[in-house]
Amino acid sequence: MSIHSALLLTIGLTSLFLGLAILFRDAKSSANKTFALFSFVVIIWIATNYLVDHPVTNELALFWNKLNLTSAMSMAVVVFYLSLVFPNKSEFPKWLKGIFLFISLILVFLSLFTNLSIKEISFENWGTNATAGPLFSVVIGWSIISIIGMALNLGLKYRRVNDSEKRQLKYLLLGIVLAGVFGLFFGALLPAITQSYELAKYSPYGIIFLLFFTAYAISQYHLFDIRVIATELLVLLINLVLLVQLLLSKTIQEGLLRAVFLGLMIYFGYLLIKSVIEEIRRRKEIEKLAERLRVANVKLKEVDRLKSEFISMASHQLRTPLSIIKGYLHTLKVGKVGELTEKQEHFIKTAMEANDQLIAIIDDFLNLGRIEENRIMVEFEKVDLREVVATVIERMQSLAIKKEITIHFEKPEDFPKIEADKAKLVEIITNLVDNSIKYGKEKGMIRLELKDMEDEVAIVEEDDGMGIPDDFKERLFKKFNRAKNAVKAMPSGNGIGLYLVKKIIDLHHGKVFAESHEDEGTKFTIILPIKQPKRGEGENNEKSANR
C-alpha cells in the first residue's frame, strides 16, 4: 500500500469513527445526525478518490469520477445544512430549505446519471483524467454557494451565542472552510486551469484540517466530549483484537475461553463507557449550576446595590425633616415661645432625645451608603488622641451617669499626634463607648486607655458588660448583625455601628479587634499608624484619599 493510499484510509476511518461516535452520542439531535451524514459523504468522496485511479472498466472509471464530483458537492450542501442546526437551530424558512435541497438533488441526479458534468475520461500514466461537461461549472458554483451560505449563517450565529459556543463555532468553521478551500483548489480550480486531474487526488487531504480543528475543539472546548470518544475507541480496539484472536483459535477450548473473555470485555467496556458518560453528565450539571450561581450572584449584587441606594436616598429624605423638628424642639426648650411647665419640659426633653436617636441612626445609614459607594470623605490632619477621648467622654458622660457607669481615663502627659480624621475618630470611639453604656451593667465601669507603640498607637476601650457570645465573634464586624443577648437587651439596634467602626479604621490603614467572653465584658483595641502611607504605598491607599 502506498503512502497516499494509507493516508486516504486513515482519513476515511477517522471520519467514519467521528461520525458514528457523534451520532450514537445523541441520535435524536439534528446537529449530530447532520455531522454524521457529512462524515459518511466524506468517506464516499475519499473512497472514490482512490477508485478513480484503480478502475476495473471504463464505465466504472467514468462512474467513480461522477460520484467523486457529486460527493464533493454533497459535502458542501450538508455543511450548509449543518450550519442551520449547529450549535442551535436557525430561523431559516422551510420553503427556502426545500428549494435548496431540490436544486441540490437535481444536480446530484444530473451529475450521476448523465454526462453533463463529466463527458468522458482518458487514461494517463498517473490515473484517469476527466473531461468537464457543461454542468461541471454549475456543480462547482453550487458548492461554493453552499460554503459561502454556511460561513454567513455561522457568522450571524456567532454574535448571538455564548462564549463557549463561540469557540466551538470558530474552530469548526475554520476547519470546514480550510477543508473546502483545499478541496476546491485541487479538485476543481487546478483541473479547470491545467485541464488535468493529476493533482485532484490530493484534494481529500483538506479533510485533515477539518479533523484537526474538530479534534482541537473537542479536546479544548468539549464540542463532542473527547473522553467519551477516546473511551469508545479504546474499548472498540480491544474488542477487535480479542475478536481476531477468537477467530484464530486453534482448538474449541481455546475458542470458548477467548469467547468468554471477549464477552466479559464487551460487558465491562459497556460499563466503562456508561460511567464516563455519567461522569460527563454530572460535570455538565455542575457547570450549569455554577453558571446559575454566577447569574444569581450578579443579581444579588445588583439587589444589594439597589438596596444601598434606596437606604441612602431614604436617609437623606428623612434627615431634613428630623433636623427641622430638632430646631423647633430646641426653640421650645429655651423658652423663645413662652415659659414651659416642668411637665412640658420633660416631654420636650424626651422628644429631643428620641429625635437625636433617630438622627444618629440615619447618620449611620448615610455613612454606610457613602462607604459602600466609596464616597466617604477622610481628611487627614495632626490629631491629639487625648483631645479625642476627652471629647467622647464629655459627650457620653450624661448617658453614663443615668446608669451610674464610671468612665475611667488616665490621660498620658506626653503622647504623639497622629495623622487621622479627627471627626471620624470621635465618631467611632463614641460608638464603642455608647455600646458599652447601652449593654453595660448598672454601676458598671468603662476604661479608656492610650498606648504609644513607636510607629503605631493603640486605643483601648474596655467594659464589664454582657460580653459577646463565642458563636457571634466571626460576624461581629459585619453589617446588619447583632448578637442574641444584644437584641434581647435592646431590640431597636440597627447592627451597623461596629461595621462602620471597622470600615473607618480600614480607611486609616489601621486594625481593630475584640476580646470578649459572654457575661465577662468586652475589650476593643484599635491600632492606628502615627503617619499615614504616602500615595502609592499600601493596598488601601485609594481609600485614604479624599473622595
Protein backbone atom coordinates (compact mmCIF):
# COMPACT_ATOMS: atom_id res chain seq x y z
CA MET A 1 0.00 0.00 0.00
CA SER A 2 1.34 3.43 -0.97
CA ILE A 3 1.65 6.36 1.44
CA HIS A 4 -1.17 8.14 -0.43
CA SER A 5 -3.49 5.13 -0.06
CA ALA A 6 -2.57 4.78 3.64
CA LEU A 7 -3.37 8.45 4.24
CA LEU A 8 -6.72 8.13 2.45
CA LEU A 9 -7.56 5.05 4.53
CA THR A 10 -6.60 6.82 7.78
CA ILE A 11 -8.65 9.91 6.92
CA GLY A 12 -11.63 7.75 5.93
CA LEU A 13 -11.55 5.61 9.09
CA THR A 14 -11.15 8.68 11.32
CA SER A 15 -14.07 10.36 9.61
CA LEU A 16 -16.16 7.18 9.97
CA PHE A 17 -15.36 6.88 13.66
CA LEU A 18 -16.11 10.56 14.36
CA GLY A 19 -19.42 10.30 12.51
CA LEU A 20 -20.53 7.15 14.36
CA ALA A 21 -19.36 8.39 17.76
CA ILE A 22 -21.20 11.67 17.40
CA LEU A 23 -24.34 10.01 16.03
CA PHE A 24 -24.51 7.49 18.88
CA ARG A 25 -23.96 10.27 21.41
CA ASP A 26 -27.43 11.63 20.67
CA ALA A 27 -29.17 10.08 17.65
CA LYS A 28 -32.11 12.47 18.06
CA SER A 29 -30.01 15.61 17.74
CA SER A 30 -30.29 17.28 14.33
CA ALA A 31 -26.73 18.60 14.61
CA ASN A 32 -25.35 15.13 15.43
CA LYS A 33 -27.25 13.47 12.57
CA THR A 34 -26.12 16.11 10.09
CA PHE A 35 -22.47 15.86 11.18
CA ALA A 36 -22.67 12.06 10.89
CA LEU A 37 -24.11 12.42 7.36
CA PHE A 38 -21.25 14.76 6.50
CA SER A 39 -18.74 12.17 7.76
CA PHE A 40 -20.29 9.44 5.60
CA VAL A 41 -20.28 11.66 2.50
CA VAL A 42 -16.59 12.36 3.22
CA ILE A 43 -15.96 8.60 3.22
CA ILE A 44 -17.65 8.24 -0.18
CA TRP A 45 -15.59 11.13 -1.55
CA ILE A 46 -12.33 9.67 -0.22
CA ALA A 47 -13.21 6.19 -1.49
CA THR A 48 -13.99 7.48 -4.99
CA ASN A 49 -10.72 9.45 -4.99
CA TYR A 50 -8.96 6.12 -4.64
CA LEU A 51 -11.24 4.20 -7.04
CA VAL A 52 -10.96 6.67 -9.94
CA ASP A 53 -7.30 5.72 -10.28
CA HIS A 54 -7.92 1.98 -9.87
CA PRO A 55 -10.81 1.27 -12.25
CA VAL A 56 -11.86 -2.16 -13.42
CA THR A 57 -13.65 -0.96 -16.57
CA ASN A 58 -14.08 2.31 -18.46
CA GLU A 59 -17.72 2.52 -17.38
CA LEU A 60 -16.78 2.15 -13.71
CA ALA A 61 -13.99 4.73 -14.07
CA LEU A 62 -16.49 7.23 -15.52
CA PHE A 63 -19.00 6.49 -12.73
CA TRP A 64 -16.37 6.85 -9.99
CA ASN A 65 -15.40 10.24 -11.41
CA LYS A 66 -19.03 11.36 -11.48
CA LEU A 67 -19.61 10.08 -7.93
CA ASN A 68 -16.44 11.81 -6.78
CA LEU A 69 -17.64 15.17 -8.12
CA THR A 70 -21.17 14.62 -6.76
CA SER A 71 -19.94 13.67 -3.27
CA ALA A 72 -17.70 16.77 -3.21
CA MET A 73 -20.73 18.97 -3.92
CA SER A 74 -22.82 16.98 -1.43
CA MET A 75 -20.26 17.69 1.32
CA ALA A 76 -20.69 21.43 0.76
CA VAL A 77 -24.50 21.09 0.79
CA VAL A 78 -24.51 19.01 4.00
CA VAL A 79 -22.14 21.51 5.65
CA PHE A 80 -24.64 24.26 4.80
CA TYR A 81 -27.42 22.28 6.48
CA LEU A 82 -25.12 21.65 9.45
CA SER A 83 -24.80 25.43 9.89
CA LEU A 84 -28.60 25.62 10.18
CA VAL A 85 -28.76 23.28 13.19
CA PHE A 86 -25.42 23.80 14.98
CA PRO A 87 -24.97 24.86 17.74
CA ASN A 88 -28.70 25.68 17.69
CA LYS A 89 -31.37 25.76 15.02
CA SER A 90 -31.63 28.79 12.74
CA GLU A 91 -34.90 30.52 11.91
CA PHE A 92 -34.49 29.59 8.24
CA PRO A 93 -37.68 29.44 6.09
CA LYS A 94 -38.70 25.86 5.36
CA TRP A 95 -39.65 26.67 1.78
CA LEU A 96 -36.16 28.09 1.16
CA LYS A 97 -34.54 24.98 2.63
CA GLY A 98 -36.81 22.91 0.40
CA ILE A 99 -35.77 24.82 -2.73
CA PHE A 100 -32.09 24.50 -1.78
CA LEU A 101 -32.48 20.74 -1.26
CA PHE A 102 -34.45 20.34 -4.51
CA ILE A 103 -31.76 22.10 -6.57
CA SER A 104 -29.07 20.00 -4.86
CA LEU A 105 -30.89 16.73 -5.63
CA ILE A 106 -31.41 17.75 -9.28
CA LEU A 107 -27.67 18.44 -9.61
CA VAL A 108 -26.84 15.11 -7.95
CA PHE A 109 -29.13 13.25 -10.37
CA LEU A 110 -27.80 15.05 -13.48
CA SER A 111 -24.18 14.60 -12.37
CA LEU A 112 -24.53 10.88 -11.68
CA PHE A 113 -26.81 9.71 -14.46
CA THR A 114 -25.89 11.98 -17.37
CA ASN A 115 -22.64 13.09 -18.99
CA LEU A 116 -23.38 16.77 -18.38
CA SER A 117 -20.89 17.12 -15.52
CA ILE A 118 -18.16 14.84 -16.88
CA LYS A 119 -18.25 13.99 -20.59
CA GLU A 120 -15.60 11.34 -20.78
CA ILE A 121 -12.42 10.03 -19.24
CA SER A 122 -9.00 9.15 -20.54
CA PHE A 123 -6.30 7.00 -19.02
CA GLU A 124 -2.96 8.57 -18.13
CA ASN A 125 0.15 7.10 -16.56
CA TRP A 126 -0.85 8.68 -13.20
CA GLY A 127 -4.52 7.50 -13.36
CA THR A 128 -7.75 8.66 -15.08
CA ASN A 129 -8.31 12.14 -16.43
CA ALA A 130 -11.85 13.55 -16.79
CA THR A 131 -13.16 15.98 -19.37
CA ALA A 132 -15.53 18.52 -17.82
CA GLY A 133 -19.04 18.86 -19.24
CA PRO A 134 -21.28 21.95 -19.32
CA LEU A 135 -22.72 21.16 -15.87
CA PHE A 136 -19.28 20.94 -14.21
CA SER A 137 -19.06 24.69 -13.55
CA VAL A 138 -22.63 24.73 -12.18
CA VAL A 139 -21.79 21.94 -9.70
CA ILE A 140 -18.65 23.75 -8.56
CA GLY A 141 -20.55 27.04 -8.32
CA TRP A 142 -23.28 25.43 -6.23
CA SER A 143 -20.60 24.01 -3.91
CA ILE A 144 -19.09 27.49 -3.47
CA ILE A 145 -22.56 29.00 -2.82
CA SER A 146 -23.17 26.32 -0.15
CA ILE A 147 -19.87 27.05 1.61
CA ILE A 148 -20.47 30.81 1.50
CA GLY A 149 -24.02 30.28 2.85
CA MET A 150 -22.61 28.15 5.66
CA ALA A 151 -19.99 30.76 6.54
CA LEU A 152 -22.57 33.60 6.56
CA ASN A 153 -25.00 31.61 8.66
CA LEU A 154 -22.38 30.65 11.26
CA GLY A 155 -21.11 34.22 11.24
CA LEU A 156 -24.58 35.53 12.10
CA LYS A 157 -24.94 32.92 14.86
CA TYR A 158 -21.55 33.87 16.28
CA ARG A 159 -22.93 37.18 17.54
CA ARG A 160 -25.85 35.60 19.37
CA VAL A 161 -24.33 32.58 21.14
CA ASN A 162 -22.44 32.35 24.44
CA ASP A 163 -18.63 32.31 24.79
CA SER A 164 -18.35 28.50 24.82
CA GLU A 165 -20.44 28.15 21.66
CA LYS A 166 -18.45 30.95 20.00
CA ARG A 167 -15.23 28.99 20.49
CA GLN A 168 -16.90 25.87 19.09
CA LEU A 169 -18.13 27.75 16.05
CA LYS A 170 -14.79 29.42 15.45
CA TYR A 171 -12.78 26.20 15.21
CA LEU A 172 -15.43 24.16 13.41
CA LEU A 173 -15.90 26.97 10.88
CA LEU A 174 -12.15 27.30 10.38
CA GLY A 175 -11.79 23.55 9.76
CA ILE A 176 -14.69 23.42 7.30
CA VAL A 177 -13.54 26.49 5.35
CA LEU A 178 -9.92 25.27 5.07
CA ALA A 179 -11.05 21.79 4.03
CA GLY A 180 -13.44 23.30 1.45
CA VAL A 181 -10.85 25.69 0.03
CA PHE A 182 -8.22 22.93 -0.15
CA GLY A 183 -10.67 20.55 -1.83
CA LEU A 184 -11.91 23.13 -4.35
CA PHE A 185 -8.36 24.22 -5.19
CA PHE A 186 -7.04 20.73 -6.01
CA GLY A 187 -10.32 19.15 -7.13
CA ALA A 188 -11.78 21.97 -9.27
CA LEU A 189 -9.64 25.07 -9.77
CA LEU A 190 -6.38 23.37 -10.79
CA PRO A 191 -8.12 20.87 -13.12
CA ALA A 192 -10.01 23.75 -14.76
CA ILE A 193 -6.75 25.66 -15.32
CA THR A 194 -4.49 22.75 -16.32
CA GLN A 195 -7.16 20.60 -17.98
CA SER A 196 -5.73 17.71 -15.94
CA TYR A 197 -6.92 15.88 -12.85
CA GLU A 198 -3.46 14.63 -11.93
CA LEU A 199 -3.37 16.66 -8.69
CA ALA A 200 -7.04 16.10 -7.82
CA LYS A 201 -6.09 13.02 -5.82
CA TYR A 202 -4.63 15.34 -3.15
CA SER A 203 -7.92 17.17 -2.54
CA PRO A 204 -9.02 14.78 0.29
CA TYR A 205 -6.00 15.95 2.32
CA GLY A 206 -8.02 19.10 3.09
CA ILE A 207 -10.18 16.95 5.36
CA ILE A 208 -7.15 16.79 7.68
CA PHE A 209 -7.80 20.47 8.52
CA LEU A 210 -11.39 19.67 9.43
CA LEU A 211 -10.40 16.67 11.55
CA PHE A 212 -7.62 18.63 13.27
CA PHE A 213 -9.75 21.65 14.20
CA THR A 214 -12.68 19.44 15.17
CA ALA A 215 -10.38 17.41 17.42
CA TYR A 216 -8.97 20.65 18.90
CA ALA A 217 -12.48 21.92 19.61
CA ILE A 218 -13.29 18.54 21.17
CA SER A 219 -10.25 18.47 23.45
CA GLN A 220 -10.23 22.15 24.39
CA TYR A 221 -13.86 23.17 24.40
CA HIS A 222 -15.85 19.91 24.68
CA LEU A 223 -17.54 20.23 21.27
CA PHE A 224 -18.21 16.49 21.36
CA ASP A 225 -16.62 15.17 24.56
CA ILE A 226 -13.18 13.69 23.81
CA ARG A 227 -13.14 11.41 26.85
CA VAL A 228 -16.22 9.52 25.70
CA ILE A 229 -14.85 9.19 22.17
CA ALA A 230 -11.42 8.09 23.44
CA THR A 231 -13.02 5.54 25.77
CA GLU A 232 -15.19 4.13 22.99
CA LEU A 233 -12.21 3.93 20.64
CA LEU A 234 -10.13 2.10 23.26
CA VAL A 235 -12.92 -0.38 24.01
CA LEU A 236 -13.53 -0.91 20.28
CA LEU A 237 -9.86 -1.61 19.53
CA ILE A 238 -9.53 -4.06 22.44
CA ASN A 239 -12.66 -5.92 21.39
CA LEU A 240 -11.48 -6.06 17.75
CA VAL A 241 -8.16 -7.56 18.87
CA LEU A 242 -10.00 -10.12 21.02
CA LEU A 243 -12.37 -10.94 18.16
CA VAL A 244 -9.44 -11.57 15.79
CA GLN A 245 -7.84 -13.82 18.42
CA LEU A 246 -11.14 -15.67 18.79
CA LEU A 247 -11.36 -16.26 15.02
CA LEU A 248 -7.76 -17.54 15.01
CA SER A 249 -8.34 -20.02 17.83
CA LYS A 250 -6.87 -23.44 17.10
CA THR A 251 -8.97 -25.52 19.48
CA ILE A 252 -12.57 -25.45 20.75
CA GLN A 253 -11.40 -24.97 24.34
CA GLU A 254 -9.23 -22.04 23.36
CA GLY A 255 -12.11 -20.56 21.34
CA LEU A 256 -14.57 -20.92 24.23
CA LEU A 257 -12.12 -19.31 26.65
CA ARG A 258 -11.49 -16.38 24.31
CA ALA A 259 -15.22 -16.06 23.63
CA VAL A 260 -15.90 -15.80 27.38
CA PHE A 261 -13.11 -13.27 27.75
CA LEU A 262 -14.47 -11.26 24.80
CA GLY A 263 -17.95 -11.31 26.33
CA LEU A 264 -16.60 -10.05 29.64
CA MET A 265 -14.64 -7.30 27.88
CA ILE A 266 -17.73 -6.21 25.95
CA TYR A 267 -19.73 -6.08 29.20
CA PHE A 268 -17.10 -4.21 31.22
CA GLY A 269 -16.36 -1.95 28.26
CA TYR A 270 -20.04 -1.05 28.18
CA LEU A 271 -19.95 -0.27 31.92
CA LEU A 272 -16.82 1.83 31.44
CA ILE A 273 -18.37 3.90 28.63
CA LYS A 274 -21.56 4.28 30.65
CA SER A 275 -19.64 5.51 33.70
CA VAL A 276 -17.71 8.05 31.60
CA ILE A 277 -20.95 9.33 30.06
CA GLU A 278 -22.50 9.60 33.53
CA GLU A 279 -19.45 11.48 34.84
CA ILE A 280 -19.68 13.94 31.94
CA ARG A 281 -23.42 14.35 32.50
CA ARG A 282 -22.79 15.21 36.14
CA ARG A 283 -19.99 17.58 35.20
CA LYS A 284 -22.28 19.41 32.81
CA GLU A 285 -24.94 19.64 35.53
CA ILE A 286 -22.34 21.13 37.86
CA GLU A 287 -21.31 23.59 35.15
CA LYS A 288 -24.95 24.60 34.68
CA LEU A 289 -25.39 25.01 38.44
CA ALA A 290 -22.19 27.06 38.60
CA GLU A 291 -23.48 29.30 35.80
CA ARG A 292 -26.82 29.70 37.57
CA LEU A 293 -24.96 30.53 40.78
CA ARG A 294 -22.87 33.12 38.93
CA VAL A 295 -26.00 34.73 37.47
CA ALA A 296 -27.70 34.65 40.87
CA ASN A 297 -24.63 36.24 42.43
CA VAL A 298 -24.70 39.04 39.86
CA LYS A 299 -28.39 39.60 40.57
CA LEU A 300 -27.74 39.60 44.32
CA LYS A 301 -25.03 42.21 43.89
CA GLU A 302 -27.42 44.32 41.87
CA VAL A 303 -30.13 43.93 44.53
CA ASP A 304 -27.58 44.86 47.21
CA ARG A 305 -26.58 47.94 45.22
CA LEU A 306 -30.21 48.99 44.76
CA LYS A 307 -30.83 48.41 48.46
CA SER A 308 -27.87 50.61 49.39
CA GLU A 309 -29.06 53.33 47.01
CA PHE A 310 -32.56 53.14 48.47
CA ILE A 311 -31.27 53.34 52.06
CA SER A 312 -29.06 56.29 51.16
CA MET A 313 -31.88 58.11 49.37
CA ALA A 314 -34.40 57.40 52.13
CA SER A 315 -31.92 58.51 54.80
CA HIS A 316 -31.31 61.80 53.01
CA GLN A 317 -35.04 62.40 52.72
CA LEU A 318 -35.63 61.62 56.41
CA ARG A 319 -32.76 63.63 57.86
CA THR A 320 -34.01 67.01 56.65
CA PRO A 321 -37.40 66.91 58.45
CA LEU A 322 -35.75 65.49 61.58
CA SER A 323 -33.29 68.39 61.61
CA ILE A 324 -36.20 70.81 61.31
CA ILE A 325 -38.00 69.06 64.19
CA LYS A 326 -34.83 69.29 66.27
CA GLY A 327 -34.64 73.03 65.60
CA TYR A 328 -38.25 73.64 66.67
CA LEU A 329 -37.85 71.49 69.78
CA HIS A 330 -34.75 73.46 70.76
CA THR A 331 -36.68 76.72 70.24
CA LEU A 332 -39.38 75.43 72.59
CA LYS A 333 -36.86 74.20 75.15
CA VAL A 334 -35.04 77.54 75.53
CA GLY A 335 -38.36 79.33 76.05
CA LYS A 336 -38.36 81.55 72.97
CA VAL A 337 -42.11 81.00 72.53
CA GLY A 338 -43.01 81.22 76.19
CA GLU A 339 -42.22 79.70 79.56
CA LEU A 340 -42.66 75.94 79.88
CA THR A 341 -44.08 73.99 82.77
CA GLU A 342 -41.98 71.22 84.32
CA LYS A 343 -44.15 68.59 82.62
CA GLN A 344 -43.79 70.32 79.21
CA GLU A 345 -40.00 70.48 79.65
CA HIS A 346 -39.98 66.74 80.38
CA PHE A 347 -42.00 65.97 77.23
CA ILE A 348 -39.77 68.19 75.07
CA LYS A 349 -36.61 66.66 76.54
CA THR A 350 -37.93 63.14 75.80
CA ALA A 351 -38.86 64.17 72.24
CA MET A 352 -35.40 65.70 71.68
CA GLU A 353 -33.67 62.53 72.90
CA ALA A 354 -35.80 60.38 70.58
CA ASN A 355 -35.20 62.81 67.69
CA ASP A 356 -31.42 62.75 68.31
CA GLN A 357 -31.56 58.97 68.39
CA LEU A 358 -33.27 58.88 65.00
CA ILE A 359 -30.76 61.36 63.54
CA ALA A 360 -27.90 59.19 64.83
CA ILE A 361 -29.42 56.10 63.18
CA ILE A 362 -29.91 57.96 59.89
CA ASP A 363 -26.32 59.25 60.04
CA ASP A 364 -25.16 55.66 60.41
CA PHE A 365 -27.12 54.67 57.29
CA LEU A 366 -25.76 57.66 55.38
CA ASN A 367 -22.19 56.72 56.35
CA LEU A 368 -22.91 53.12 55.35
CA GLY A 369 -24.04 54.28 51.90
CA ARG A 370 -21.02 56.54 51.47
CA ILE A 371 -18.62 53.74 52.43
CA GLU A 372 -20.22 51.19 50.09
CA GLU A 373 -20.17 53.71 47.23
CA ASN A 374 -16.59 54.82 48.06
CA ARG A 375 -17.79 58.37 48.64
CA ILE A 376 -16.81 58.82 52.29
CA MET A 377 -14.51 61.78 52.92
CA VAL A 378 -11.40 61.17 55.02
CA GLU A 379 -9.47 64.34 55.81
CA PHE A 380 -6.14 63.63 57.48
CA GLU A 381 -4.60 66.13 59.90
CA LYS A 382 -2.43 66.08 63.02
CA VAL A 383 -4.69 64.78 65.78
CA ASP A 384 -4.15 64.64 69.57
CA LEU A 385 -5.92 61.48 70.70
CA ARG A 386 -6.11 62.80 74.25
CA GLU A 387 -8.43 65.52 72.98
CA VAL A 388 -10.46 62.97 71.00
CA VAL A 389 -11.01 60.79 74.08
CA ALA A 390 -11.84 63.82 76.23
CA THR A 391 -14.44 64.94 73.67
CA VAL A 392 -16.03 61.49 73.68
CA ILE A 393 -16.19 61.34 77.48
CA GLU A 394 -17.75 64.78 77.65
CA ARG A 395 -20.34 63.80 75.04
CA MET A 396 -21.24 60.48 76.69
CA GLN A 397 -21.00 61.47 80.36
CA SER A 398 -24.68 62.29 80.78
CA LEU A 399 -25.76 58.88 79.44
CA ALA A 400 -23.24 57.11 81.69
CA ILE A 401 -24.49 58.97 84.78
CA LYS A 402 -28.04 57.74 84.15
CA LYS A 403 -26.84 54.12 84.58
CA GLU A 404 -24.30 55.11 87.25
CA ILE A 405 -21.46 53.90 85.00
CA THR A 406 -17.99 55.29 85.65
CA ILE A 407 -15.81 56.23 82.68
CA HIS A 408 -12.16 55.95 83.66
CA PHE A 409 -9.39 57.54 81.58
CA GLU A 410 -5.80 58.21 82.66
CA LYS A 411 -4.66 60.98 80.40
CA PRO A 412 -0.97 60.47 79.47
CA GLU A 413 1.25 63.52 79.96
CA ASP A 414 3.04 63.08 76.65
CA PHE A 415 1.55 61.37 73.62
CA PRO A 416 2.40 61.59 69.90
CA LYS A 417 -0.01 63.21 67.50
CA ILE A 418 -1.16 61.02 64.63
CA GLU A 419 -2.34 61.65 61.09
CA ALA A 420 -6.07 60.95 61.14
CA ASP A 421 -9.55 62.33 60.56
CA LYS A 422 -10.46 63.74 63.99
CA ALA A 423 -14.22 63.76 63.43
CA LYS A 424 -14.19 60.14 62.27
CA LEU A 425 -12.17 59.03 65.31
CA VAL A 426 -14.55 60.82 67.65
CA GLU A 427 -17.40 59.05 65.85
CA ILE A 428 -16.00 55.51 66.18
CA ILE A 429 -14.85 55.86 69.81
CA THR A 430 -18.24 57.37 70.65
CA ASN A 431 -19.82 54.33 69.01
CA LEU A 432 -17.79 51.94 71.21
CA VAL A 433 -18.49 53.86 74.43
CA ASP A 434 -22.18 54.17 73.52
CA ASN A 435 -22.39 50.37 73.09
CA SER A 436 -20.65 49.87 76.46
CA ILE A 437 -23.24 52.12 78.13
CA LYS A 438 -26.22 50.55 76.34
CA TYR A 439 -25.21 46.96 77.07
CA GLY A 440 -23.32 47.62 80.32
CA LYS A 441 -24.32 46.80 83.87
CA GLU A 442 -25.82 49.30 86.27
CA LYS A 443 -23.00 50.87 88.32
CA GLY A 444 -20.50 49.38 85.90
CA MET A 445 -17.18 50.68 84.62
CA ILE A 446 -15.73 51.73 81.25
CA ARG A 447 -11.98 52.09 80.87
CA LEU A 448 -10.26 54.08 78.12
CA GLU A 449 -6.50 53.90 77.55
CA LEU A 450 -3.97 55.23 75.03
CA LYS A 451 -0.74 53.35 74.30
CA ASP A 452 2.35 54.55 72.42
CA MET A 453 3.78 51.70 70.28
CA GLU A 454 6.61 53.58 68.45
CA ASP A 455 5.28 53.74 64.85
CA GLU A 456 1.73 52.99 65.96
CA VAL A 457 -0.68 53.88 68.72
CA ALA A 458 -3.37 51.84 70.42
CA ILE A 459 -6.77 52.98 71.67
CA VAL A 460 -8.24 50.56 74.22
CA GLU A 461 -11.91 50.64 75.23
CA GLU A 462 -12.96 48.10 77.87
CA ASP A 463 -16.17 47.46 79.81
CA ASP A 464 -17.59 44.91 82.25
CA GLY A 465 -20.87 44.46 80.43
CA MET A 466 -22.71 41.47 78.94
CA GLY A 467 -19.87 40.45 76.60
CA ILE A 468 -20.04 38.79 73.17
CA PRO A 469 -21.11 35.15 72.65
CA ASP A 470 -18.38 32.95 71.14
CA ASP A 471 -20.59 31.88 68.20
CA PHE A 472 -21.07 35.53 67.16
CA LYS A 473 -17.46 36.74 67.15
CA GLU A 474 -16.85 35.91 63.47
CA ARG A 475 -19.78 38.15 62.48
CA LEU A 476 -19.00 40.95 64.92
CA PHE A 477 -17.89 43.50 62.29
CA LYS A 478 -20.40 42.52 59.58
CA LYS A 479 -23.30 44.84 58.77
CA PHE A 480 -26.83 44.18 60.00
CA ASN A 481 -25.62 41.60 62.52
CA ARG A 482 -26.43 41.67 66.23
CA ALA A 483 -25.74 39.12 68.96
CA LYS A 484 -28.74 37.44 70.58
CA ASN A 485 -28.00 38.87 74.02
CA ALA A 486 -27.72 42.38 72.49
CA VAL A 487 -31.08 42.02 70.71
CA LYS A 488 -32.67 40.82 73.95
CA ALA A 489 -31.26 43.77 75.90
CA MET A 490 -32.12 46.39 73.24
CA PRO A 491 -34.36 45.29 70.34
CA SER A 492 -34.13 48.64 68.50
CA GLY A 493 -30.46 48.47 67.35
CA ASN A 494 -29.57 48.50 63.63
CA GLY A 495 -26.44 46.32 63.64
CA ILE A 496 -24.19 48.62 61.58
CA GLY A 497 -22.22 50.51 64.28
CA LEU A 498 -19.29 48.09 64.53
CA TYR A 499 -19.31 47.62 60.75
CA LEU A 500 -18.76 51.38 60.37
CA VAL A 501 -16.04 51.29 63.04
CA LYS A 502 -14.18 48.59 61.08
CA LYS A 503 -14.55 50.41 57.74
CA ILE A 504 -13.34 53.76 59.13
CA ILE A 505 -10.36 52.06 60.79
CA ASP A 506 -9.57 50.41 57.41
CA LEU A 507 -9.59 53.86 55.79
CA HIS A 508 -6.97 54.88 58.37
CA HIS A 509 -4.83 51.82 57.47
CA GLY A 510 -5.42 50.51 60.96
CA LYS A 511 -6.74 47.40 62.69
CA VAL A 512 -9.45 46.70 65.24
CA PHE A 513 -10.13 43.56 67.21
CA ALA A 514 -12.17 42.49 70.20
CA GLU A 515 -11.52 40.25 73.19
CA SER A 516 -14.63 39.11 74.99
CA HIS A 517 -16.48 36.35 76.80
CA GLU A 518 -20.18 36.34 77.48
CA ASP A 519 -21.10 37.96 80.82
CA GLU A 520 -17.44 38.97 81.37
CA GLY A 521 -17.24 42.23 79.43
CA THR A 522 -15.56 43.28 76.19
CA LYS A 523 -12.23 44.86 75.30
CA PHE A 524 -11.79 46.64 71.95
CA THR A 525 -8.32 47.53 70.71
CA ILE A 526 -7.76 49.92 67.81
CA ILE A 527 -4.29 50.10 66.26
CA LEU A 528 -3.52 53.17 64.13
CA PRO A 529 -0.31 54.27 62.35
CA ILE A 530 1.24 57.54 63.53
CA LYS A 531 1.89 58.52 59.91
CA GLN A 532 -0.34 57.58 57.00
CA PRO A 533 1.32 55.85 53.99
CA LYS A 534 2.20 58.11 51.11
CA ARG A 535 0.36 57.82 47.81
CA GLY A 536 1.28 54.56 46.08
CA GLU A 537 2.14 52.78 49.35
CA GLY A 538 -0.11 50.09 50.74
CA GLU A 539 -3.10 48.34 49.25
CA ASN A 540 -5.67 50.74 50.62
CA ASN A 541 -4.09 53.98 49.52
CA GLU A 542 -7.03 54.80 47.25
CA LYS A 543 -9.41 54.51 50.16
CA SER A 544 -7.45 57.01 52.21
CA ALA A 545 -7.53 59.69 49.52
CA ASN A 546 -10.17 62.36 49.64
CA ARG A 547 -13.15 61.48 47.51
